[in-house]
């Protein structure tokens, strides 16, 4: 399999070798620094990505290693969280001109089993590796990151923030009738002509 270092992030999938190609990117090579900076800042990253042609589809398999700057969901302190993503997907070119009446289903099956292949439809043979990897990082970013595994039981930052009055564990008492804004109330006045 050929290893190809590319300075372009967008290329035509039909130009790949029949045996597939291995793409390698890292922070030093710099091709993806700008597109990934929104999510990983200036952290190091390493990407190894193999794309193979399979009939009318393309197999994308690879790994991505980096670090994310995330706030701890318990105390709000910024923490560096390592991220290791392994992905295995099929890209299928979706010719939308085939679907003329909109009744054909183009849904993809996806289970919770990470060893199964996910099918992803794309509109053309043009593939943007930077955008693809940006989405892989975004999808795999933890939504409730913790500074450490013991944050829920013994977080010194959380306790300090509570003592200073910055964080309260008490729930606000709701007063009946205090919520006077009812955004969907106007929908009750709509009359439909049938």
Protein backbone atom coordinates (compact mmCIF):
# COMPACT_ATOMS: atom_id res chain seq x y z
CA UNK A 1 0.00 0.00 0.00
CA UNK A 2 1.34 3.39 -0.91
CA UNK A 3 1.88 6.04 1.76
CA UNK A 4 0.95 9.40 0.39
CA UNK A 5 1.68 12.72 2.00
CA UNK A 6 -0.60 15.34 0.55
CA UNK A 7 -0.63 19.05 0.93
CA UNK A 8 -4.16 19.17 -0.43
CA UNK A 9 -6.96 18.25 1.94
CA UNK A 10 -9.55 17.77 -0.80
CA UNK A 11 -9.09 15.17 -3.52
CA UNK A 12 -11.02 12.95 -5.91
CA UNK A 13 -11.63 9.46 -4.48
CA UNK A 14 -11.63 7.95 -7.97
CA UNK A 15 -7.92 8.88 -8.25
CA UNK A 16 -6.92 6.44 -5.48
CA UNK A 17 -4.79 3.36 -6.22
CA UNK A 18 -6.76 0.13 -6.55
CA UNK A 19 -5.00 -1.25 -3.47
CA UNK A 20 -5.84 1.86 -1.49
CA UNK A 21 -3.69 4.54 0.04
CA UNK A 22 -2.37 5.29 3.51
CA UNK A 23 -2.50 8.95 4.49
CA UNK A 24 -0.42 10.22 7.42
CA UNK A 25 -0.80 13.65 8.99
CA UNK A 26 0.61 15.24 12.14
CA UNK A 27 1.08 18.64 13.71
CA UNK A 28 4.59 19.01 12.25
CA UNK A 29 3.48 18.29 8.67
CA UNK A 30 0.87 21.03 9.21
CA UNK A 31 -1.68 20.29 6.46
CA UNK A 32 -4.59 20.03 8.90
CA UNK A 33 -3.47 22.46 11.62
CA UNK A 34 -5.82 25.23 10.52
CA UNK A 35 -8.94 23.09 10.12
CA UNK A 36 -8.41 21.21 13.42
CA UNK A 37 -7.33 24.25 15.49
CA UNK A 38 -10.94 25.08 16.42
CA UNK A 39 -11.21 21.81 18.34
CA UNK A 40 -7.66 20.94 19.46
CA UNK A 41 -5.94 24.32 19.56
CA UNK A 42 -2.19 23.95 19.17
CA UNK A 43 -2.01 20.41 20.57
CA UNK A 44 -0.09 17.70 18.76
CA UNK A 45 -2.07 15.21 16.68
CA UNK A 46 -1.29 12.09 14.70
CA UNK A 47 -3.56 10.68 12.01
CA UNK A 48 -3.18 7.47 10.04
CA UNK A 49 -5.95 6.94 7.53
CA UNK A 50 -6.38 4.23 4.89
CA UNK A 51 -8.84 4.67 2.04
CA UNK A 52 -9.62 1.70 -0.24
CA UNK A 53 -11.87 1.49 -3.27
CA UNK A 54 -14.56 -1.23 -2.87
CA UNK A 55 -16.80 -1.41 -5.94
CA UNK A 56 -19.10 1.62 -5.71
CA UNK A 57 -17.98 2.48 -2.17
CA UNK A 58 -14.82 3.47 -0.32
CA UNK A 59 -13.56 1.98 2.94
CA UNK A 60 -12.12 4.51 5.38
CA UNK A 61 -10.22 3.09 8.33
CA UNK A 62 -7.84 4.81 10.68
CA UNK A 63 -6.82 6.27 13.98
CA UNK A 64 -6.52 9.78 15.34
CA UNK A 65 -4.66 10.72 18.52
CA UNK A 66 -4.71 14.19 20.05
CA UNK A 67 -5.48 16.16 23.21
CA UNK A 68 -8.45 18.45 23.84
CA UNK A 69 -8.73 21.45 26.16
CA UNK A 70 -12.03 20.92 27.96
CA UNK A 71 -13.60 22.36 31.10
CA UNK A 72 -14.29 19.87 33.88
CA UNK A 73 -18.05 19.40 33.99
CA UNK A 74 -18.00 19.34 37.79
CA UNK A 75 -15.79 22.29 38.75
CA UNK A 76 -15.11 24.15 35.50
CA UNK A 77 -11.30 23.96 35.67
CA UNK A 78 -9.66 23.56 32.26
CA UNK A 79 -8.20 20.09 31.77
CA UNK A 80 -6.27 18.41 28.96
CA UNK A 81 -8.11 15.26 27.91
CA UNK A 82 -6.40 12.77 25.62
CA UNK A 83 -8.53 11.61 22.69
CA UNK A 84 -7.94 8.39 20.78
CA UNK A 85 -10.39 7.71 17.97
CA UNK A 86 -10.52 4.58 15.83
CA UNK A 87 -12.89 4.75 12.89
CA UNK A 88 -14.09 2.33 10.25
CA UNK A 89 -16.64 3.61 7.75
CA UNK A 90 -17.88 3.07 4.25
CA UNK A 91 -18.33 6.09 2.03
CA UNK A 92 -21.02 5.62 -0.57
CA UNK A 93 -21.50 8.10 -3.39
CA UNK A 94 -25.17 9.10 -3.25
CA UNK A 95 -26.45 10.05 -6.69
CA UNK A 96 -29.47 12.14 -5.72
CA UNK A 97 -30.73 12.23 -9.33
CA UNK A 98 -31.78 8.56 -8.93
CA UNK A 99 -34.34 9.54 -6.28
CA UNK A 100 -36.95 11.42 -8.26
CA UNK A 101 -40.06 11.09 -6.10
CA UNK A 102 -38.45 11.11 -2.66
CA UNK A 103 -40.08 7.84 -1.60
CA UNK A 104 -36.96 5.70 -1.65
CA UNK A 105 -35.26 5.39 1.71
CA UNK A 106 -31.62 6.38 1.99
CA UNK A 107 -31.27 5.69 5.70
CA UNK A 108 -28.17 4.00 7.06
CA UNK A 109 -28.16 1.41 9.83
CA UNK A 110 -25.97 2.21 12.78
CA UNK A 111 -25.84 0.13 15.92
CA UNK A 112 -24.05 0.75 19.20
CA UNK A 113 -21.54 -1.94 18.33
CA UNK A 114 -18.35 -0.05 17.44
CA UNK A 115 -16.89 -3.04 15.57
CA UNK A 116 -19.55 -2.76 12.88
CA UNK A 117 -19.13 -0.56 9.84
CA UNK A 118 -21.00 2.73 9.59
CA UNK A 119 -22.15 3.77 6.12
CA UNK A 120 -21.84 7.44 5.28
CA UNK A 121 -23.24 8.88 2.05
CA UNK A 122 -21.46 11.67 0.23
CA UNK A 123 -22.68 13.65 -2.76
CA UNK A 124 -19.60 13.42 -4.99
CA UNK A 125 -16.20 11.77 -5.39
CA UNK A 126 -14.55 14.82 -3.86
CA UNK A 127 -13.43 14.03 -0.31
CA UNK A 128 -12.25 16.58 2.26
CA UNK A 129 -10.00 14.83 4.78
CA UNK A 130 -9.79 17.92 7.01
CA UNK A 131 -13.57 18.20 7.29
CA UNK A 132 -13.91 14.44 7.85
CA UNK A 133 -11.36 14.43 10.69
CA UNK A 134 -12.83 17.61 12.19
CA UNK A 135 -16.18 15.81 12.45
CA UNK A 136 -14.55 12.67 13.91
CA UNK A 137 -13.06 14.78 16.71
CA UNK A 138 -16.31 16.71 17.29
CA UNK A 139 -18.39 13.52 17.46
CA UNK A 140 -15.99 11.87 19.91
CA UNK A 141 -15.49 14.86 22.23
CA UNK A 142 -16.77 13.95 25.70
CA UNK A 143 -19.73 16.15 26.65
CA UNK A 144 -19.14 15.80 30.40
CA UNK A 145 -15.38 15.75 30.79
CA UNK A 146 -13.97 15.31 34.28
CA UNK A 147 -10.61 16.55 35.53
CA UNK A 148 -9.94 13.11 37.01
CA UNK A 149 -11.79 9.89 37.74
CA UNK A 150 -12.27 10.92 41.37
CA UNK A 151 -13.94 14.27 40.59
CA UNK A 152 -17.39 13.17 41.78
CA UNK A 153 -16.16 12.00 45.16
CA UNK A 154 -13.23 14.29 46.04
CA UNK A 155 -12.76 17.33 43.83
CA UNK A 156 -10.79 20.01 45.66
CA UNK A 157 -11.65 22.62 43.02
CA UNK A 158 -15.39 21.93 43.41
CA UNK A 159 -15.22 22.15 47.20
CA UNK A 160 -13.24 25.40 47.02
CA UNK A 161 -15.75 26.89 44.54
CA UNK A 162 -18.63 25.90 46.87
CA UNK A 163 -16.90 27.49 49.87
CA UNK A 164 -16.41 30.74 47.91
CA UNK A 165 -20.09 30.69 46.89
CA UNK A 166 -19.31 30.35 43.18
CA UNK A 167 -21.22 27.04 42.90
CA UNK A 168 -24.41 26.17 44.72
CA UNK A 169 -25.77 22.67 45.08
CA UNK A 170 -29.18 23.91 46.17
CA UNK A 171 -31.92 23.85 43.56
CA UNK A 172 -33.92 27.05 43.08
CA UNK A 173 -37.48 26.91 44.37
CA UNK A 174 -39.94 27.57 41.57
CA UNK A 175 -42.79 29.93 42.35
CA UNK A 176 -46.07 28.96 40.71
CA UNK A 177 -47.04 31.39 37.99
CA UNK A 178 -43.53 32.86 37.77
CA UNK A 179 -43.11 31.56 34.23
CA UNK A 180 -45.39 33.94 32.37
CA UNK A 181 -43.68 33.55 29.00
CA UNK A 182 -45.37 30.70 27.14
CA UNK A 183 -43.93 30.72 23.61
CA UNK A 184 -46.30 28.14 22.14
CA UNK A 185 -49.53 29.62 23.49
CA UNK A 186 -50.04 31.57 20.25
CA UNK A 187 -50.27 28.30 18.33
CA UNK A 188 -53.60 27.62 20.04
CA UNK A 189 -55.20 30.44 18.02
CA UNK A 190 -54.23 29.05 14.62
CA UNK A 191 -57.13 27.91 12.45
CA UNK A 192 -56.40 25.44 9.67
CA UNK A 193 -58.40 25.59 6.46
CA UNK A 194 -59.06 22.12 5.18
